Amino acid sequence: MKYLGIDYGTKRVGVALSDDGGTMAFPYGVIQNTPALFGELKTIIKKHEISCIVVGESLDYSGKPNPVMEEIKTFVRELEAKIGIAVQYEPEFLTSAQARRIQGDSHTLDASAAAIILQSFLDK
């Protein structure tokens, strides 16, 4: 089973893929959050034969949804409708900061954050 991890952002969306066995997550790329986003995701999903999608659930320090969470829920509903694959949520907490500590500021930061989210899901 192969997984796709997503770190949703209002400007950029980080994407990560698992290995074929669904045990390791790897940064894949960053997609601009434009109207073309769903088409680009669909291409990745078909090309890599993805069977499960994991999206970061944005929560604050007390475990309550951050303001961006409403946009994430809208994104997930639209993604499920357009792609036809169920989406799982994985709590994300400071994943971008964690990725920044590992690699520094980089254009691939969001993809690395997506890999951290996906790896957390796969480890459970």
C-alpha atoms as a PDB file:
ATOM      1  CA  MET A   1       0.000   0.000   0.000  1.00  0.00           C
ATOM      2  CA  LYS A   2       1.386   3.400  -0.971  1.00  0.00           C
ATOM      3  CA  TYR A   3       0.512   6.606   0.887  1.00  0.00           C
ATOM      4  CA  LEU A   4       0.483  10.311   0.030  1.00  0.00           C
ATOM      5  CA  GLY A   5       1.117  12.823   2.815  1.00  0.00           C
ATOM      6  CA  ILE A   6      -0.030  16.430   2.580  1.00  0.00           C
ATOM      7  CA  ASP A   7       0.951  19.495   4.590  1.00  0.00           C
ATOM      8  CA  TYR A   8      -1.759  21.944   3.524  1.00  0.00           C
ATOM      9  CA  GLY A   9      -1.012  25.638   3.454  1.00  0.00           C
ATOM     10  CA  THR A  10      -2.943  28.572   2.049  1.00  0.00           C
ATOM     11  CA  LYS A  11      -0.021  29.439  -0.289  1.00  0.00           C
ATOM     12  CA  ARG A  12       1.885  26.157  -0.681  1.00  0.00           C
ATOM     13  CA  VAL A  13       1.059  22.482  -0.207  1.00  0.00           C
ATOM     14  CA  GLY A  14       3.819  20.090   0.793  1.00  0.00           C
ATOM     15  CA  VAL A  15       3.620  16.557  -0.581  1.00  0.00           C
ATOM     16  CA  ALA A  16       5.328  13.368   0.583  1.00  0.00           C
ATOM     17  CA  LEU A  17       5.158   9.757  -0.591  1.00  0.00           C
ATOM     18  CA  SER A  18       5.665   6.487   1.214  1.00  0.00           C
ATOM     19  CA  ASP A  19       7.646   3.555  -0.058  1.00  0.00           C
ATOM     20  CA  ASP A  20       5.662   0.723  -1.670  1.00  0.00           C
ATOM     21  CA  GLY A  21       5.354  -1.090   1.664  1.00  0.00           C
ATOM     22  CA  GLY A  22       3.941   1.946   3.456  1.00  0.00           C
ATOM     23  CA  THR A  23       6.662   2.045   6.104  1.00  0.00           C
ATOM     24  CA  MET A  24       8.862   5.052   5.211  1.00  0.00           C
ATOM     25  CA  ALA A  25       7.912   8.586   4.155  1.00  0.00           C
ATOM     26  CA  PHE A  26       9.938  10.746   1.773  1.00  0.00           C
ATOM     27  CA  PRO A  27       9.516  14.407   0.767  1.00  0.00           C
ATOM     28  CA  TYR A  28       8.214  14.628  -2.801  1.00  0.00           C
ATOM     29  CA  GLY A  29       7.606  18.264  -3.648  1.00  0.00           C
ATOM     30  CA  VAL A  30       5.803  21.536  -3.062  1.00  0.00           C
ATOM     31  CA  ILE A  31       2.769  22.619  -5.086  1.00  0.00           C
ATOM     32  CA  GLN A  32       1.475  26.170  -5.190  1.00  0.00           C
ATOM     33  CA  ASN A  33      -2.059  26.411  -3.792  1.00  0.00           C
ATOM     34  CA  THR A  34      -3.774  27.562  -6.970  1.00  0.00           C
ATOM     35  CA  PRO A  35      -6.805  26.285  -8.895  1.00  0.00           C
ATOM     36  CA  ALA A  36      -4.443  23.774 -10.575  1.00  0.00           C
ATOM     37  CA  LEU A  37      -3.709  22.077  -7.219  1.00  0.00           C
ATOM     38  CA  PHE A  38      -6.241  19.255  -7.539  1.00  0.00           C
ATOM     39  CA  GLY A  39      -5.113  18.419 -11.068  1.00  0.00           C
ATOM     40  CA  GLU A  40      -1.487  18.211  -9.939  1.00  0.00           C
ATOM     41  CA  LEU A  41      -2.421  16.024  -6.975  1.00  0.00           C
ATOM     42  CA  LYS A  42      -4.505  13.752  -9.205  1.00  0.00           C
ATOM     43  CA  THR A  43      -1.509  13.294 -11.535  1.00  0.00           C
ATOM     44  CA  ILE A  44       0.755  12.360  -8.599  1.00  0.00           C
ATOM     45  CA  ILE A  45      -1.852   9.967  -7.193  1.00  0.00           C
ATOM     46  CA  LYS A  46      -2.287   8.157 -10.518  1.00  0.00           C
ATOM     47  CA  LYS A  47       1.435   8.066 -11.336  1.00  0.00           C
ATOM     48  CA  HIS A  48       2.402   6.612  -7.953  1.00  0.00           C
ATOM     49  CA  GLU A  49      -0.695   4.417  -7.492  1.00  0.00           C
ATOM     50  CA  ILE A  50      -1.638   5.985  -4.160  1.00  0.00           C
ATOM     51  CA  SER A  51      -4.255   4.110  -2.146  1.00  0.00           C
ATOM     52  CA  CYS A  52      -4.424   6.313   0.982  1.00  0.00           C
ATOM     53  CA  ILE A  53      -4.033  10.055   1.596  1.00  0.00           C
ATOM     54  CA  VAL A  54      -2.953  11.552   4.931  1.00  0.00           C
ATOM     55  CA  VAL A  55      -3.463  15.266   5.627  1.00  0.00           C
ATOM     56  CA  GLY A  56      -2.024  17.163   8.570  1.00  0.00           C
ATOM     57  CA  GLU A  57      -4.600  18.247  11.138  1.00  0.00           C
ATOM     58  CA  SER A  58      -3.664  21.723  12.371  1.00  0.00           C
ATOM     59  CA  LEU A  59      -4.214  22.060  16.120  1.00  0.00           C
ATOM     60  CA  ASP A  60      -3.051  24.630  18.674  1.00  0.00           C
ATOM     61  CA  TYR A  61      -1.208  23.992  21.949  1.00  0.00           C
ATOM     62  CA  SER A  62      -4.454  23.079  23.723  1.00  0.00           C
ATOM     63  CA  GLY A  63      -5.507  20.631  20.991  1.00  0.00           C
ATOM     64  CA  LYS A  64      -8.142  22.914  19.477  1.00  0.00           C
ATOM     65  CA  PRO A  65      -8.318  23.526  15.714  1.00  0.00           C
ATOM     66  CA  ASN A  66      -6.240  26.414  14.370  1.00  0.00           C
ATOM     67  CA  PRO A  67      -8.014  28.945  12.116  1.00  0.00           C
ATOM     68  CA  VAL A  68      -6.603  27.232   8.991  1.00  0.00           C
ATOM     69  CA  MET A  69      -8.364  23.986   9.976  1.00  0.00           C
ATOM     70  CA  GLU A  70     -11.633  25.086   8.352  1.00  0.00           C
ATOM     71  CA  GLU A  71      -9.774  25.545   5.057  1.00  0.00           C
ATOM     72  CA  ILE A  72      -8.144  22.145   5.512  1.00  0.00           C
ATOM     73  CA  LYS A  73     -11.556  20.502   6.026  1.00  0.00           C
ATOM     74  CA  THR A  74     -12.883  22.189   2.878  1.00  0.00           C
ATOM     75  CA  PHE A  75      -9.792  21.048   0.969  1.00  0.00           C
ATOM     76  CA  VAL A  76     -10.225  17.457   2.205  1.00  0.00           C
ATOM     77  CA  ARG A  77     -13.928  17.349   1.237  1.00  0.00           C
ATOM     78  CA  GLU A  78     -13.099  18.606  -2.249  1.00  0.00           C
ATOM     79  CA  LEU A  79     -10.130  16.239  -2.567  1.00  0.00           C
ATOM     80  CA  GLU A  80     -12.247  13.213  -1.610  1.00  0.00           C
ATOM     81  CA  ALA A  81     -14.942  14.249  -4.093  1.00  0.00           C
ATOM     82  CA  LYS A  82     -12.508  14.831  -6.973  1.00  0.00           C
ATOM     83  CA  ILE A  83     -10.085  11.959  -6.355  1.00  0.00           C
ATOM     84  CA  GLY A  84     -12.349   9.310  -4.834  1.00  0.00           C
ATOM     85  CA  ILE A  85      -9.877   8.197  -2.154  1.00  0.00           C
ATOM     86  CA  ALA A  86     -10.664   8.509   1.547  1.00  0.00           C
ATOM     87  CA  VAL A  87      -8.472  10.927   3.464  1.00  0.00           C
ATOM     88  CA  GLN A  88      -7.094  10.316   6.960  1.00  0.00           C
ATOM     89  CA  TYR A  89      -6.082  13.108   9.325  1.00  0.00           C
ATOM     90  CA  GLU A  90      -2.846  13.021  11.295  1.00  0.00           C
ATOM     91  CA  PRO A  91      -2.301  15.624  14.015  1.00  0.00           C
ATOM     92  CA  GLU A  92       0.533  17.941  13.101  1.00  0.00           C
ATOM     93  CA  PHE A  93       2.280  20.007  15.685  1.00  0.00           C
ATOM     94  CA  LEU A  94       5.152  22.255  14.699  1.00  0.00           C
ATOM     95  CA  THR A  95       6.090  20.032  11.746  1.00  0.00           C
ATOM     96  CA  SER A  96       7.384  22.988   9.736  1.00  0.00           C
ATOM     97  CA  ALA A  97       9.535  24.065  12.681  1.00  0.00           C
ATOM     98  CA  GLN A  98      10.826  20.507  13.043  1.00  0.00           C
ATOM     99  CA  ALA A  99      11.646  20.333   9.323  1.00  0.00           C
ATOM    100  CA  ARG A 100      13.384  23.733   9.550  1.00  0.00           C
ATOM    101  CA  ARG A 101      15.562  22.490  12.453  1.00  0.00           C
ATOM    102  CA  ILE A 102      16.595  19.479  10.372  1.00  0.00           C
ATOM    103  CA  GLN A 103      17.287  21.166   7.036  1.00  0.00           C
ATOM    104  CA  GLY A 104      17.155  24.928   7.549  1.00  0.00           C
ATOM    105  CA  ASP A 105      15.019  27.239   5.449  1.00  0.00           C
ATOM    106  CA  SER A 106      14.558  25.751   2.018  1.00  0.00           C
ATOM    107  CA  HIS A 107      12.100  25.667  -0.871  1.00  0.00           C
ATOM    108  CA  THR A 108      11.414  22.021   0.086  1.00  0.00           C
ATOM    109  CA  LEU A 109      10.456  22.802   3.697  1.00  0.00           C
ATOM    110  CA  ASP A 110       6.742  22.071   3.144  1.00  0.00           C
ATOM    111  CA  ALA A 111       7.522  18.711   1.507  1.00  0.00           C
ATOM    112  CA  SER A 112       9.684  17.777   4.485  1.00  0.00           C
ATOM    113  CA  ALA A 113       6.870  18.767   6.859  1.00  0.00           C
ATOM    114  CA  ALA A 114       4.516  16.540   4.824  1.00  0.00           C
ATOM    115  CA  ALA A 115       6.992  13.669   5.214  1.00  0.00           C
ATOM    116  CA  ILE A 116       7.050  14.182   8.994  1.00  0.00           C
ATOM    117  CA  ILE A 117       3.235  14.101   9.084  1.00  0.00           C
ATOM    118  CA  LEU A 118       3.104  10.991   6.924  1.00  0.00           C
ATOM    119  CA  GLN A 119       5.834   9.196   8.907  1.00  0.00           C
ATOM    120  CA  SER A 120       3.954   9.893  12.139  1.00  0.00           C
ATOM    121  CA  PHE A 121       0.856   8.274  10.608  1.00  0.00           C
ATOM    122  CA  LEU A 122       2.806   5.287   9.289  1.00  0.00           C
ATOM    123  CA  ASP A 123       4.472   4.707  12.661  1.00  0.00           C
ATOM    124  CA  LYS A 124       1.130   4.157  14.406  1.00  0.00           C
END
